[in-house]
PDB file of all heavy atoms in Angstrom:
ATOM      1  N   GLY A   1     208.842-106.153  77.192  1.00  0.00           N
ATOM      2  CA  GLY A   1     209.119-106.268  75.768  1.00  0.00           C
ATOM      3  C   GLY A   1     210.552-106.700  75.540  1.00  0.00           C
ATOM      4  O   GLY A   1     211.378-106.708  76.453  1.00  0.00           O
ATOM      5  N   GLY A   2     210.854-107.065  74.334  1.00  0.00           N
ATOM      6  CA  GLY A   2     212.211-107.485  74.021  1.00  0.00           C
ATOM      7  C   GLY A   2     212.916-106.449  73.186  1.00  0.00           C
ATOM      8  O   GLY A   2     212.289-105.619  72.542  1.00  0.00           O
ATOM      9  N   GLY A   3     214.215-106.489  73.207  1.00  0.00           N
ATOM     10  CA  GLY A   3     214.996-105.592  72.368  1.00  0.00           C
ATOM     11  C   GLY A   3     214.835-105.999  70.913  1.00  0.00           C
ATOM     12  O   GLY A   3     214.969-107.161  70.573  1.00  0.00           O
ATOM     13  N   ASN A   4     214.485-105.061  70.093  1.00  0.00           N
ATOM     14  CA  ASN A   4     214.337-105.335  68.663  1.00  0.00           C
ATOM     15  C   ASN A   4     214.702-104.083  67.884  1.00  0.00           C
ATOM     16  O   ASN A   4     215.330-103.183  68.428  1.00  0.00           O
ATOM     17  CB  ASN A   4     212.917-105.816  68.331  1.00  0.00           C
ATOM     18  CG  ASN A   4     211.855-104.839  68.779  1.00  0.00           C
ATOM     19  OD1 ASN A   4     212.149-103.699  69.114  1.00  0.00           O
ATOM     20  ND2 ASN A   4     210.618-105.263  68.782  1.00  0.00           N
ATOM     21  N   ALA A   5     214.280-104.000  66.667  1.00  0.00           N
ATOM     22  CA  ALA A   5     214.639-102.864  65.813  1.00  0.00           C
ATOM     23  C   ALA A   5     213.870-101.598  66.171  1.00  0.00           C
ATOM     24  O   ALA A   5     214.144-100.541  65.625  1.00  0.00           O
ATOM     25  CB  ALA A   5     214.402-103.219  64.357  1.00  0.00           C
ATOM     26  N   GLY A   6     212.893-101.692  67.040  1.00  0.00           N
ATOM     27  CA  GLY A   6     212.124-100.523  67.419  1.00  0.00           C
ATOM     28  C   GLY A   6     210.706-100.889  67.775  1.00  0.00           C
ATOM     29  O   GLY A   6     210.334-102.060  67.799  1.00  0.00           O
ATOM     30  N   GLU A   7     209.926 -99.872  68.092  1.00  0.00           N
ATOM     31  CA  GLU A   7     208.522-100.063  68.443  1.00  0.00           C
ATOM     32  C   GLU A   7     207.656 -99.208  67.526  1.00  0.00           C
ATOM     33  O   GLU A   7     208.131 -98.301  66.850  1.00  0.00           O
ATOM     34  CB  GLU A   7     208.279 -99.712  69.916  1.00  0.00           C
ATOM     35  CG  GLU A   7     208.949-100.720  70.834  1.00  0.00           C
ATOM     36  CD  GLU A   7     208.761-100.415  72.308  1.00  0.00           C
ATOM     37  OE1 GLU A   7     208.457 -99.256  72.669  1.00  0.00           O
ATOM     38  OE2 GLU A   7     208.948-101.342  73.102  1.00  0.00           O
ATOM     39  N   SER A   8     206.377 -99.498  67.532  1.00  0.00           N
ATOM     40  CA  SER A   8     205.456 -98.933  66.544  1.00  0.00           C
ATOM     41  C   SER A   8     204.840 -97.600  66.980  1.00  0.00           C
ATOM     42  O   SER A   8     203.642 -97.417  66.943  1.00  0.00           O
ATOM     43  CB  SER A   8     204.362 -99.942  66.224  1.00  0.00           C
ATOM     44  OG  SER A   8     203.718-100.338  67.411  1.00  0.00           O
ATOM     45  N   TYR A   9     205.671 -96.652  67.350  1.00  0.00           N
ATOM     46  CA  TYR A   9     205.202 -95.303  67.653  1.00  0.00           C
ATOM     47  C   TYR A   9     204.526 -94.697  66.422  1.00  0.00           C
ATOM     48  O   TYR A   9     203.681 -93.817  66.540  1.00  0.00           O
ATOM     49  CB  TYR A   9     206.371 -94.422  68.096  1.00  0.00           C
ATOM     50  CG  TYR A   9     207.185 -95.025  69.210  1.00  0.00           C
ATOM     51  CD1 TYR A   9     208.397 -95.667  68.957  1.00  0.00           C
ATOM     52  CD2 TYR A   9     206.739 -94.978  70.526  1.00  0.00           C
ATOM     53  CE1 TYR A   9     209.141 -96.227  69.979  1.00  0.00           C
ATOM     54  CE2 TYR A   9     207.477 -95.542  71.556  1.00  0.00           C
ATOM     55  CZ  TYR A   9     208.677 -96.166  71.278  1.00  0.00           C
ATOM     56  OH  TYR A   9     209.398 -96.727  72.289  1.00  0.00           O
ATOM     57  N   LEU A  10     204.913 -95.193  65.262  1.00  0.00           N
ATOM     58  CA  LEU A  10     204.340 -94.705  64.006  1.00  0.00           C
ATOM     59  C   LEU A  10     202.835 -94.919  63.948  1.00  0.00           C
ATOM     60  O   LEU A  10     202.126 -94.127  63.325  1.00  0.00           O
ATOM     61  CB  LEU A  10     204.985 -95.421  62.815  1.00  0.00           C
ATOM     62  CG  LEU A  10     206.495 -95.249  62.648  1.00  0.00           C
ATOM     63  CD1 LEU A  10     206.994 -96.063  61.465  1.00  0.00           C
ATOM     64  CD2 LEU A  10     206.851 -93.799  62.501  1.00  0.00           C
ATOM     65  N   LEU A  11     202.351 -95.961  64.603  1.00  0.00           N
ATOM     66  CA  LEU A  11     200.899 -96.187  64.623  1.00  0.00           C
ATOM     67  C   LEU A  11     200.178 -95.048  65.343  1.00  0.00           C
ATOM     68  O   LEU A  11     199.093 -94.648  64.931  1.00  0.00           O
ATOM     69  CB  LEU A  11     200.569 -97.520  65.284  1.00  0.00           C
ATOM     70  CG  LEU A  11     200.820 -98.747  64.427  1.00  0.00           C
ATOM     71  CD1 LEU A  11     200.680-100.015  65.272  1.00  0.00           C
ATOM     72  CD2 LEU A  11     199.861 -98.788  63.249  1.00  0.00           C
ATOM     73  N   ALA A  12     200.776 -94.538  66.386  1.00  0.00           N
ATOM     74  CA  ALA A  12     200.176 -93.400  67.100  1.00  0.00           C
ATOM     75  C   ALA A  12     200.136 -92.181  66.196  1.00  0.00           C
ATOM     76  O   ALA A  12     199.134 -91.464  66.139  1.00  0.00           O
ATOM     77  CB  ALA A  12     200.954 -93.099  68.374  1.00  0.00           C
ATOM     78  N   TRP A  13     201.227 -91.952  65.468  1.00  0.00           N
ATOM     79  CA  TRP A  13     201.265 -90.809  64.555  1.00  0.00           C
ATOM     80  C   TRP A  13     200.260 -90.996  63.429  1.00  0.00           C
ATOM     81  O   TRP A  13     199.586 -90.047  63.035  1.00  0.00           O
ATOM     82  CB  TRP A  13     202.664 -90.618  63.998  1.00  0.00           C
ATOM     83  CG  TRP A  13     203.701 -90.254  65.022  1.00  0.00           C
ATOM     84  CD1 TRP A  13     203.491 -89.875  66.321  1.00  0.00           C
ATOM     85  CD2 TRP A  13     205.104 -90.242  64.840  1.00  0.00           C
ATOM     86  NE1 TRP A  13     204.679 -89.629  66.947  1.00  0.00           N
ATOM     87  CE2 TRP A  13     205.693 -89.855  66.064  1.00  0.00           C
ATOM     88  CE3 TRP A  13     205.935 -90.538  63.766  1.00  0.00           C
ATOM     89  CZ2 TRP A  13     207.065 -89.730  66.227  1.00  0.00           C
ATOM     90  CZ3 TRP A  13     207.302 -90.417  63.931  1.00  0.00           C
ATOM     91  CH2 TRP A  13     207.858 -90.009  65.149  1.00  0.00           C
ATOM     92  N   TYR A  14     200.164 -92.202  62.909  1.00  0.00           N
ATOM     93  CA  TYR A  14     199.206 -92.491  61.845  1.00  0.00           C
ATOM     94  C   TYR A  14     197.782 -92.233  62.344  1.00  0.00           C
ATOM     95  O   TYR A  14     196.995 -91.558  61.686  1.00  0.00           O
ATOM     96  CB  TYR A  14     199.350 -93.947  61.375  1.00  0.00           C
ATOM     97  CG  TYR A  14     198.319 -94.335  60.346  1.00  0.00           C
ATOM     98  CD1 TYR A  14     198.542 -94.102  58.991  1.00  0.00           C
ATOM     99  CD2 TYR A  14     197.109 -94.913  60.726  1.00  0.00           C
ATOM    100  CE1 TYR A  14     197.589 -94.436  58.047  1.00  0.00           C
ATOM    101  CE2 TYR A  14     196.156 -95.251  59.782  1.00  0.00           C
ATOM    102  CZ  TYR A  14     196.397 -95.014  58.449  1.00  0.00           C
ATOM    103  OH  TYR A  14     195.447 -95.327  57.516  1.00  0.00           O
ATOM    104  N   PHE A  15     197.467 -92.774  63.509  1.00  0.00           N
ATOM    105  CA  PHE A  15     196.126 -92.618  64.064  1.00  0.00           C
ATOM    106  C   PHE A  15     195.814 -91.140  64.300  1.00  0.00           C
ATOM    107  O   PHE A  15     194.743 -90.653  63.935  1.00  0.00           O
ATOM    108  CB  PHE A  15     195.985 -93.419  65.361  1.00  0.00           C
ATOM    109  CG  PHE A  15     194.580 -93.489  65.857  1.00  0.00           C
ATOM    110  CD1 PHE A  15     193.698 -94.421  65.341  1.00  0.00           C
ATOM    111  CD2 PHE A  15     194.128 -92.611  66.826  1.00  0.00           C
ATOM    112  CE1 PHE A  15     192.381 -94.481  65.784  1.00  0.00           C
ATOM    113  CE2 PHE A  15     192.811 -92.660  67.271  1.00  0.00           C
ATOM    114  CZ  PHE A  15     191.942 -93.600  66.750  1.00  0.00           C
ATOM    115  N   ALA A  16     196.759 -90.413  64.899  1.00  0.00           N
ATOM    116  CA  ALA A  16     196.541 -88.990  65.165  1.00  0.00           C
ATOM    117  C   ALA A  16     196.364 -88.198  63.866  1.00  0.00           C
ATOM    118  O   ALA A  16     195.508 -87.310  63.787  1.00  0.00           O
ATOM    119  CB  ALA A  16     197.710 -88.427  65.969  1.00  0.00           C
ATOM    120  N   ALA A  17     197.143 -88.526  62.861  1.00  0.00           N
ATOM    121  CA  ALA A  17     197.100 -87.780  61.602  1.00  0.00           C
ATOM    122  C   ALA A  17     195.820 -88.032  60.812  1.00  0.00           C
ATOM    123  O   ALA A  17     195.256 -87.108  60.229  1.00  0.00           O
ATOM    124  CB  ALA A  17     198.311 -88.137  60.742  1.00  0.00           C
ATOM    125  N   PHE A  18     195.357 -89.282  60.815  1.00  0.00           N
ATOM    126  CA  PHE A  18     194.280 -89.652  59.899  1.00  0.00           C
ATOM    127  C   PHE A  18     192.978 -90.101  60.562  1.00  0.00           C
ATOM    128  O   PHE A  18     191.983 -90.279  59.867  1.00  0.00           O
ATOM    129  CB  PHE A  18     194.763 -90.755  58.951  1.00  0.00           C
ATOM    130  CG  PHE A  18     195.949 -90.355  58.132  1.00  0.00           C
ATOM    131  CD1 PHE A  18     197.157 -91.020  58.278  1.00  0.00           C
ATOM    132  CD2 PHE A  18     195.878 -89.306  57.227  1.00  0.00           C
ATOM    133  CE1 PHE A  18     198.263 -90.655  57.521  1.00  0.00           C
ATOM    134  CE2 PHE A  18     196.980 -88.931  56.466  1.00  0.00           C
ATOM    135  CZ  PHE A  18     198.174 -89.613  56.620  1.00  0.00           C
ATOM    136  N   HIS A  19     192.972 -90.269  61.874  1.00  0.00           N
ATOM    137  CA  HIS A  19     191.777 -90.811  62.521  1.00  0.00           C
ATOM    138  C   HIS A  19     191.357 -90.040  63.772  1.00  0.00           C
ATOM    139  O   HIS A  19     190.668 -90.597  64.630  1.00  0.00           O
ATOM    140  CB  HIS A  19     191.982 -92.294  62.860  1.00  0.00           C
ATOM    141  CG  HIS A  19     192.122 -93.152  61.646  1.00  0.00           C
ATOM    142  ND1 HIS A  19     191.038 -93.574  60.913  1.00  0.00           N
ATOM    143  CD2 HIS A  19     193.224 -93.622  61.021  1.00  0.00           C
ATOM    144  CE1 HIS A  19     191.468 -94.299  59.897  1.00  0.00           C
ATOM    145  NE2 HIS A  19     192.793 -94.332  59.928  1.00  0.00           N
ATOM    146  N   THR A  20     191.772 -88.809  63.901  1.00  0.00           N
ATOM    147  CA  THR A  20     191.295 -87.986  65.016  1.00  0.00           C
ATOM    148  C   THR A  20     190.734 -86.677  64.470  1.00  0.00           C
ATOM    149  O   THR A  20     191.188 -86.175  63.447  1.00  0.00           O
ATOM    150  CB  THR A  20     192.410 -87.652  66.037  1.00  0.00           C
ATOM    151  OG1 THR A  20     193.436 -86.897  65.396  1.00  0.00           O
ATOM    152  CG2 THR A  20     192.984 -88.905  66.666  1.00  0.00           C
ATOM    153  N   ARG A  21     189.746 -86.185  65.160  1.00  0.00           N
ATOM    154  CA  ARG A  21     189.184 -84.859  64.900  1.00  0.00           C
ATOM    155  C   ARG A  21     189.013 -84.203  66.252  1.00  0.00           C
ATOM    156  O   ARG A  21     188.500 -84.818  67.176  1.00  0.00           O
ATOM    157  CB  ARG A  21     187.839 -84.965  64.199  1.00  0.00           C
ATOM    158  CG  ARG A  21     187.990 -85.504  62.775  1.00  0.00           C
ATOM    159  CD  ARG A  21     186.703 -85.486  62.048  1.00  0.00           C
ATOM    160  NE  ARG A  21     186.197 -84.107  62.065  1.00  0.00           N
ATOM    161  CZ  ARG A  21     185.099 -83.721  61.453  1.00  0.00           C
ATOM    162  NH1 ARG A  21     184.379 -84.592  60.792  1.00  0.00           N
ATOM    163  NH2 ARG A  21     184.693 -82.481  61.501  1.00  0.00           N
ATOM    164  N   THR A  22     189.459 -82.974  66.356  1.00  0.00           N
ATOM    165  CA  THR A  22     189.313 -82.261  67.622  1.00  0.00           C
ATOM    166  C   THR A  22     188.629 -80.929  67.380  1.00  0.00           C
ATOM    167  O   THR A  22     188.844 -80.275  66.351  1.00  0.00           O
ATOM    168  CB  THR A  22     190.680 -82.017  68.286  1.00  0.00           C
ATOM    169  OG1 THR A  22     191.474 -81.209  67.424  1.00  0.00           O
ATOM    170  CG2 THR A  22     191.399 -83.328  68.589  1.00  0.00           C
ATOM    171  N   ASP A  23     187.831 -80.542  68.329  1.00  0.00           N
ATOM    172  CA  ASP A  23     187.140 -79.269  68.282  1.00  0.00           C
ATOM    173  C   ASP A  23     188.140 -78.114  68.200  1.00  0.00           C
ATOM    174  O   ASP A  23     187.941 -77.167  67.443  1.00  0.00           O
ATOM    175  CB  ASP A  23     186.257 -79.138  69.529  1.00  0.00           C
ATOM    176  CG  ASP A  23     185.429 -77.891  69.504  1.00  0.00           C
ATOM    177  OD1 ASP A  23     184.505 -77.822  68.679  1.00  0.00           O
ATOM    178  OD2 ASP A  23     185.706 -76.983  70.314  1.00  0.00           O
ATOM    179  N   ALA A  24     189.212 -78.213  68.970  1.00  0.00           N
ATOM    180  CA  ALA A  24     190.198 -77.133  69.000  1.00  0.00           C
ATOM    181  C   ALA A  24     190.795 -76.888  67.617  1.00  0.00           C
ATOM    182  O   ALA A  24     190.967 -75.744  67.204  1.00  0.00           O
ATOM    183  CB  ALA A  24     191.301 -77.444  70.007  1.00  0.00           C
ATOM    184  N   PHE A  25     191.096 -77.948  66.897  1.00  0.00           N
ATOM    185  CA  PHE A  25     191.699 -77.779  65.575  1.00  0.00           C
ATOM    186  C   PHE A  25     190.646 -77.415  64.531  1.00  0.00           C
ATOM    187  O   PHE A  25     190.838 -76.498  63.741  1.00  0.00           O
ATOM    188  CB  PHE A  25     192.454 -79.039  65.140  1.00  0.00           C
ATOM    189  CG  PHE A  25     193.245 -78.824  63.889  1.00  0.00           C
ATOM    190  CD1 PHE A  25     194.467 -78.185  63.938  1.00  0.00           C
ATOM    191  CD2 PHE A  25     192.754 -79.229  62.664  1.00  0.00           C
ATOM    192  CE1 PHE A  25     195.203 -77.959  62.777  1.00  0.00           C
ATOM    193  CE2 PHE A  25     193.468 -79.001  61.503  1.00  0.00           C
ATOM    194  CZ  PHE A  25     194.700 -78.368  61.558  1.00  0.00           C
ATOM    195  N   GLU A  26     189.528 -78.143  64.534  1.00  0.00           N
ATOM    196  CA  GLU A  26     188.496 -77.930  63.518  1.00  0.00           C
ATOM    197  C   GLU A  26     187.880 -76.534  63.588  1.00  0.00           C
ATOM    198  O   GLU A  26     187.623 -75.914  62.570  1.00  0.00           O
ATOM    199  CB  GLU A  26     187.386 -78.984  63.645  1.00  0.00           C
ATOM    200  CG  GLU A  26     187.869 -80.417  63.471  1.00  0.00           C
ATOM    201  CD  GLU A  26     188.353 -80.733  62.069  1.00  0.00           C
ATOM    202  OE1 GLU A  26     187.798 -80.175  61.104  1.00  0.00           O
ATOM    203  OE2 GLU A  26     189.293 -81.534  61.946  1.00  0.00           O
ATOM    204  N   LYS A  27     187.640 -76.045  64.787  1.00  0.00           N
ATOM    205  CA  LYS A  27     186.946 -74.761  64.937  1.00  0.00           C
ATOM    206  C   LYS A  27     187.880 -73.578  65.174  1.00  0.00           C
ATOM    207  O   LYS A  27     187.549 -72.460  64.823  1.00  0.00           O
ATOM    208  CB  LYS A  27     185.947 -74.848  66.087  1.00  0.00           C
ATOM    209  CG  LYS A  27     184.798 -75.785  65.778  1.00  0.00           C
ATOM    210  CD  LYS A  27     183.776 -75.770  66.878  1.00  0.00           C
ATOM    211  CE  LYS A  27     182.617 -76.697  66.529  1.00  0.00           C
ATOM    212  NZ  LYS A  27     181.646 -76.775  67.609  1.00  0.00           N
ATOM    213  N   ARG A  28     189.037 -73.825  65.806  1.00  0.00           N
ATOM    214  CA  ARG A  28     189.915 -72.715  66.168  1.00  0.00           C
ATOM    215  C   ARG A  28     191.321 -72.831  65.592  1.00  0.00           C
ATOM    216  O   ARG A  28     192.182 -72.016  65.889  1.00  0.00           O
ATOM    217  CB  ARG A  28     189.974 -72.596  67.694  1.00  0.00           C
ATOM    218  CG  ARG A  28     188.632 -72.283  68.327  1.00  0.00           C
ATOM    219  CD  ARG A  28     188.727 -72.115  69.823  1.00  0.00           C
ATOM    220  NE  ARG A  28     189.174 -73.294  70.545  1.00  0.00           N
ATOM    221  CZ  ARG A  28     188.412 -74.344  70.846  1.00  0.00           C
ATOM    222  NH1 ARG A  28     187.153 -74.372  70.476  1.00  0.00           N
ATOM    223  NH2 ARG A  28     188.893 -75.363  71.522  1.00  0.00           N
ATOM    224  N   ASN A  29     191.556 -73.882  64.811  1.00  0.00           N
ATOM    225  CA  ASN A  29     192.869 -74.120  64.208  1.00  0.00           C
ATOM    226  C   ASN A  29     193.987 -74.156  65.244  1.00  0.00           C
ATOM    227  O   ASN A  29     195.100 -73.700  64.991  1.00  0.00           O
ATOM    228  CB  ASN A  29     193.166 -73.091  63.117  1.00  0.00           C
ATOM    229  CG  ASN A  29     194.180 -73.594  62.129  1.00  0.00           C
ATOM    230  OD1 ASN A  29     194.224 -74.781  61.827  1.00  0.00           O
ATOM    231  ND2 ASN A  29     195.006 -72.687  61.630  1.00  0.00           N
ATOM    232  N   GLN A  30     193.675 -74.690  66.426  1.00  0.00           N
ATOM    233  CA  GLN A  30     194.677 -74.837  67.484  1.00  0.00           C
ATOM    234  C   GLN A  30     195.180 -76.269  67.496  1.00  0.00           C
ATOM    235  O   GLN A  30     194.399 -77.210  67.605  1.00  0.00           O
ATOM    236  CB  GLN A  30     194.083 -74.517  68.858  1.00  0.00           C
ATOM    237  CG  GLN A  30     193.719 -73.079  69.037  1.00  0.00           C
ATOM    238  CD  GLN A  30     193.072 -72.836  70.396  1.00  0.00           C
ATOM    239  OE1 GLN A  30     192.516 -73.734  71.010  1.00  0.00           O
ATOM    240  NE2 GLN A  30     193.156 -71.613  70.863  1.00  0.00           N
ATOM    241  N   LYS A  31     196.484 -76.404  67.386  1.00  0.00           N
ATOM    242  CA  LYS A  31     197.080 -77.732  67.429  1.00  0.00           C
ATOM    243  C   LYS A  31     196.962 -78.316  68.831  1.00  0.00           C
ATOM    244  O   LYS A  31     196.997 -77.595  69.826  1.00  0.00           O
ATOM    245  CB  LYS A  31     198.557 -77.678  67.056  1.00  0.00           C
ATOM    246  CG  LYS A  31     198.806 -77.448  65.589  1.00  0.00           C
ATOM    247  CD  LYS A  31     200.298 -77.551  65.320  1.00  0.00           C
ATOM    248  CE  LYS A  31     200.600 -77.417  63.857  1.00  0.00           C
ATOM    249  NZ  LYS A  31     202.046 -77.602  63.596  1.00  0.00           N
ATOM    250  N   GLY A  32     196.874 -79.627  68.865  1.00  0.00           N
ATOM    251  CA  GLY A  32     196.878 -80.338  70.128  1.00  0.00           C
ATOM    252  C   GLY A  32     198.286 -80.769  70.483  1.00  0.00           C
ATOM    253  O   GLY A  32     199.250 -80.448  69.791  1.00  0.00           O
ATOM    254  N   LEU A  33     198.393 -81.501  71.563  1.00  0.00           N
ATOM    255  CA  LEU A  33     199.662 -82.057  72.006  1.00  0.00           C
ATOM    256  C   LEU A  33     199.581 -83.571  71.888  1.00  0.00           C
ATOM    257  O   LEU A  33     198.614 -84.181  72.346  1.00  0.00           O
ATOM    258  CB  LEU A  33     199.940 -81.675  73.461  1.00  0.00           C
ATOM    259  CG  LEU A  33     199.979 -80.184  73.765  1.00  0.00           C
ATOM    260  CD1 LEU A  33     200.152 -79.961  75.260  1.00  0.00           C
ATOM    261  CD2 LEU A  33     201.075 -79.502  72.989  1.00  0.00           C
TER     262      LEU A  33
END
């Protein structure tokens, strides 16, 4: 990659926040890593 203003780590956070469902969180309210 090239040096620029940054990389899109935000897409990972967006995907995790709005497009994942986990059994641990849904059933046991346990956060993932």
